[in-house]
Amino acid sequence: MSLAPGQVSDHCCAASILPVLPATKHLLADNGYDSDAFRRALRDMGNEPCIPGRQNRNEVVPYNTDLYRKRHVVETKLATLKDWRAVFVRYERAAWAFMATVVLEARVSFRCQD
């Protein structure tokens, strides 16, 4: 899990997660991760990116729309964390304390649903 600055675009910090990504067939991400360099790095690792292009792209980027629809499973799980006020409002100022809160609340939320 990685915590990026709030005012930075997702694709700027995407390169930092590349070394820890597991070897998978596809990588699903939203259009915040749409950059040619990130796509190239994923393909070099053997991952096929399933990332829609941003609206301001000049050329259309092909991606598997059926596979991309399955992203909602992860998104709904992450949305449950926003039910916790401490995560939604981000009471913790220090990054380590905020991440500890997210991990603790994720553990409680996802354990109750098992």
C-alpha atoms as a PDB file:
ATOM      1  CA  MET A   1       0.000   0.000   0.000  1.00  0.00           C
ATOM      2  CA  SER A   2       1.324   3.406  -0.908  1.00  0.00           C
ATOM      3  CA  LEU A   3       0.231   6.884   0.128  1.00  0.00           C
ATOM      4  CA  ALA A   4       0.713   9.660  -2.425  1.00  0.00           C
ATOM      5  CA  PRO A   5       0.442  13.393  -1.824  1.00  0.00           C
ATOM      6  CA  GLY A   6      -3.114  14.629  -2.266  1.00  0.00           C
ATOM      7  CA  GLN A   7      -2.322  17.331  -4.816  1.00  0.00           C
ATOM      8  CA  VAL A   8      -0.293  15.138  -7.177  1.00  0.00           C
ATOM      9  CA  SER A   9      -1.615  13.244 -10.175  1.00  0.00           C
ATOM     10  CA  ASP A  10      -1.687   9.467  -9.818  1.00  0.00           C
ATOM     11  CA  HIS A  11       0.563   8.748 -12.785  1.00  0.00           C
ATOM     12  CA  CYS A  12       3.363  10.837 -11.248  1.00  0.00           C
ATOM     13  CA  CYS A  13       3.664   8.402  -8.323  1.00  0.00           C
ATOM     14  CA  ALA A  14       2.924   5.256 -10.347  1.00  0.00           C
ATOM     15  CA  ALA A  15       6.587   4.599 -11.115  1.00  0.00           C
ATOM     16  CA  SER A  16       7.293   4.125  -7.400  1.00  0.00           C
ATOM     17  CA  ILE A  17       4.954   1.116  -7.204  1.00  0.00           C
ATOM     18  CA  LEU A  18       6.413  -0.692 -10.228  1.00  0.00           C
ATOM     19  CA  PRO A  19       9.180  -2.537  -8.316  1.00  0.00           C
ATOM     20  CA  VAL A  20       6.692  -4.088  -5.868  1.00  0.00           C
ATOM     21  CA  LEU A  21       3.980  -5.062  -8.358  1.00  0.00           C
ATOM     22  CA  PRO A  22       3.452  -8.807  -8.591  1.00  0.00           C
ATOM     23  CA  ALA A  23       3.665 -10.526 -11.947  1.00  0.00           C
ATOM     24  CA  THR A  24       0.119 -10.572 -13.320  1.00  0.00           C
ATOM     25  CA  LYS A  25      -1.490 -10.904 -16.697  1.00  0.00           C
ATOM     26  CA  HIS A  26      -3.406  -7.590 -16.555  1.00  0.00           C
ATOM     27  CA  LEU A  27      -3.263  -4.446 -14.465  1.00  0.00           C
ATOM     28  CA  LEU A  28      -6.551  -2.563 -14.030  1.00  0.00           C
ATOM     29  CA  ALA A  29      -6.359   1.125 -13.195  1.00  0.00           C
ATOM     30  CA  ASP A  30      -8.431   4.233 -13.747  1.00  0.00           C
ATOM     31  CA  ASN A  31      -7.548   6.960 -16.223  1.00  0.00           C
ATOM     32  CA  GLY A  32      -5.494   8.777 -13.581  1.00  0.00           C
ATOM     33  CA  TYR A  33      -2.725   6.287 -14.382  1.00  0.00           C
ATOM     34  CA  ASP A  34      -2.880   6.951 -18.120  1.00  0.00           C
ATOM     35  CA  SER A  35       0.603   7.774 -19.323  1.00  0.00           C
ATOM     36  CA  ASP A  36       2.666   6.303 -22.122  1.00  0.00           C
ATOM     37  CA  ALA A  37       5.667   5.776 -19.851  1.00  0.00           C
ATOM     38  CA  PHE A  38       3.622   3.833 -17.285  1.00  0.00           C
ATOM     39  CA  ARG A  39       2.051   1.681 -19.999  1.00  0.00           C
ATOM     40  CA  ARG A  40       5.469   0.965 -21.494  1.00  0.00           C
ATOM     41  CA  ALA A  41       6.919   0.026 -18.098  1.00  0.00           C
ATOM     42  CA  LEU A  42       4.002  -2.331 -17.423  1.00  0.00           C
ATOM     43  CA  ARG A  43       4.438  -4.049 -20.783  1.00  0.00           C
ATOM     44  CA  ASP A  44       8.176  -4.418 -20.121  1.00  0.00           C
ATOM     45  CA  MET A  45       7.289  -6.230 -16.879  1.00  0.00           C
ATOM     46  CA  GLY A  46       4.895  -8.546 -18.708  1.00  0.00           C
ATOM     47  CA  ASN A  47       1.662  -6.897 -17.508  1.00  0.00           C
ATOM     48  CA  GLU A  48      -0.966  -5.832 -20.013  1.00  0.00           C
ATOM     49  CA  PRO A  49      -2.404  -2.457 -18.916  1.00  0.00           C
ATOM     50  CA  CYS A  50      -6.186  -2.163 -18.840  1.00  0.00           C
ATOM     51  CA  ILE A  51      -6.339   1.619 -18.453  1.00  0.00           C
ATOM     52  CA  PRO A  52      -8.744   3.875 -20.340  1.00  0.00           C
ATOM     53  CA  GLY A  53      -7.295   6.986 -21.908  1.00  0.00           C
ATOM     54  CA  ARG A  54      -7.831  10.449 -20.495  1.00  0.00           C
ATOM     55  CA  GLN A  55     -10.280  12.750 -22.239  1.00  0.00           C
ATOM     56  CA  ASN A  56      -7.557  15.092 -23.444  1.00  0.00           C
ATOM     57  CA  ARG A  57      -5.580  12.360 -25.249  1.00  0.00           C
ATOM     58  CA  ASN A  58      -5.083  12.919 -28.976  1.00  0.00           C
ATOM     59  CA  GLU A  59      -5.220   9.241 -29.943  1.00  0.00           C
ATOM     60  CA  VAL A  60      -7.628   6.616 -28.595  1.00  0.00           C
ATOM     61  CA  VAL A  61      -5.979   3.988 -26.410  1.00  0.00           C
ATOM     62  CA  PRO A  62      -7.475   0.500 -26.755  1.00  0.00           C
ATOM     63  CA  TYR A  63      -8.291  -1.406 -23.561  1.00  0.00           C
ATOM     64  CA  ASN A  64     -10.438  -4.376 -22.582  1.00  0.00           C
ATOM     65  CA  THR A  65     -13.786  -2.843 -21.551  1.00  0.00           C
ATOM     66  CA  ASP A  66     -15.183  -6.137 -20.237  1.00  0.00           C
ATOM     67  CA  LEU A  67     -12.218  -6.597 -17.922  1.00  0.00           C
ATOM     68  CA  TYR A  68     -12.313  -2.931 -16.871  1.00  0.00           C
ATOM     69  CA  ARG A  69     -15.908  -3.326 -15.654  1.00  0.00           C
ATOM     70  CA  LYS A  70     -14.679  -5.755 -13.008  1.00  0.00           C
ATOM     71  CA  ARG A  71     -12.787  -2.916 -11.330  1.00  0.00           C
ATOM     72  CA  HIS A  72     -15.953  -2.022  -9.433  1.00  0.00           C
ATOM     73  CA  VAL A  73     -15.317  -4.880  -6.984  1.00  0.00           C
ATOM     74  CA  VAL A  74     -12.208  -3.148  -5.657  1.00  0.00           C
ATOM     75  CA  GLU A  75     -13.796   0.298  -5.828  1.00  0.00           C
ATOM     76  CA  THR A  76     -16.792  -0.750  -3.700  1.00  0.00           C
ATOM     77  CA  LYS A  77     -14.495  -2.301  -1.091  1.00  0.00           C
ATOM     78  CA  LEU A  78     -12.464   0.908  -0.908  1.00  0.00           C
ATOM     79  CA  ALA A  79     -15.648   2.984  -0.730  1.00  0.00           C
ATOM     80  CA  THR A  80     -16.586   1.208   2.502  1.00  0.00           C
ATOM     81  CA  LEU A  81     -13.499   2.740   4.114  1.00  0.00           C
ATOM     82  CA  LYS A  82     -14.963   6.184   3.535  1.00  0.00           C
ATOM     83  CA  ASP A  83     -17.791   5.239   5.897  1.00  0.00           C
ATOM     84  CA  TRP A  84     -15.244   5.662   8.668  1.00  0.00           C
ATOM     85  CA  ARG A  85     -15.100   9.346   9.511  1.00  0.00           C
ATOM     86  CA  ALA A  86     -11.411   9.272  10.459  1.00  0.00           C
ATOM     87  CA  VAL A  87     -10.492   8.142   6.931  1.00  0.00           C
ATOM     88  CA  PHE A  88     -12.984  10.351   5.117  1.00  0.00           C
ATOM     89  CA  VAL A  89     -11.949  13.547   6.924  1.00  0.00           C
ATOM     90  CA  ARG A  90      -8.334  12.435   7.432  1.00  0.00           C
ATOM     91  CA  TYR A  91      -7.950  13.420  11.070  1.00  0.00           C
ATOM     92  CA  GLU A  92      -4.406  12.087  11.198  1.00  0.00           C
ATOM     93  CA  ARG A  93      -1.876  14.563   9.829  1.00  0.00           C
ATOM     94  CA  ALA A  94       1.158  12.271   9.830  1.00  0.00           C
ATOM     95  CA  ALA A  95       1.282   9.837   6.915  1.00  0.00           C
ATOM     96  CA  TRP A  96       2.237   6.879   9.131  1.00  0.00           C
ATOM     97  CA  ALA A  97      -0.687   7.528  11.484  1.00  0.00           C
ATOM     98  CA  PHE A  98      -3.151   7.878   8.602  1.00  0.00           C
ATOM     99  CA  MET A  99      -1.943   4.645   7.005  1.00  0.00           C
ATOM    100  CA  ALA A 100      -2.231   2.864  10.357  1.00  0.00           C
ATOM    101  CA  THR A 101      -5.822   4.110  10.633  1.00  0.00           C
ATOM    102  CA  VAL A 102      -6.647   2.933   7.100  1.00  0.00           C
ATOM    103  CA  VAL A 103      -5.132  -0.511   7.703  1.00  0.00           C
ATOM    104  CA  LEU A 104      -6.904  -0.930  11.039  1.00  0.00           C
ATOM    105  CA  GLU A 105     -10.275   0.167   9.683  1.00  0.00           C
ATOM    106  CA  ALA A 106      -9.856  -1.985   6.575  1.00  0.00           C
ATOM    107  CA  ARG A 107      -9.145  -4.977   8.749  1.00  0.00           C
ATOM    108  CA  VAL A 108     -12.238  -4.351  10.861  1.00  0.00           C
ATOM    109  CA  SER A 109     -14.487  -3.589   7.863  1.00  0.00           C
ATOM    110  CA  PHE A 110     -13.447  -6.491   5.706  1.00  0.00           C
ATOM    111  CA  ARG A 111     -13.342  -9.003   8.577  1.00  0.00           C
ATOM    112  CA  CYS A 112     -16.976  -8.269   9.454  1.00  0.00           C
ATOM    113  CA  GLN A 113     -18.049  -9.041   5.884  1.00  0.00           C
ATOM    114  CA  ASP A 114     -16.412 -12.511   5.792  1.00  0.00           C
END
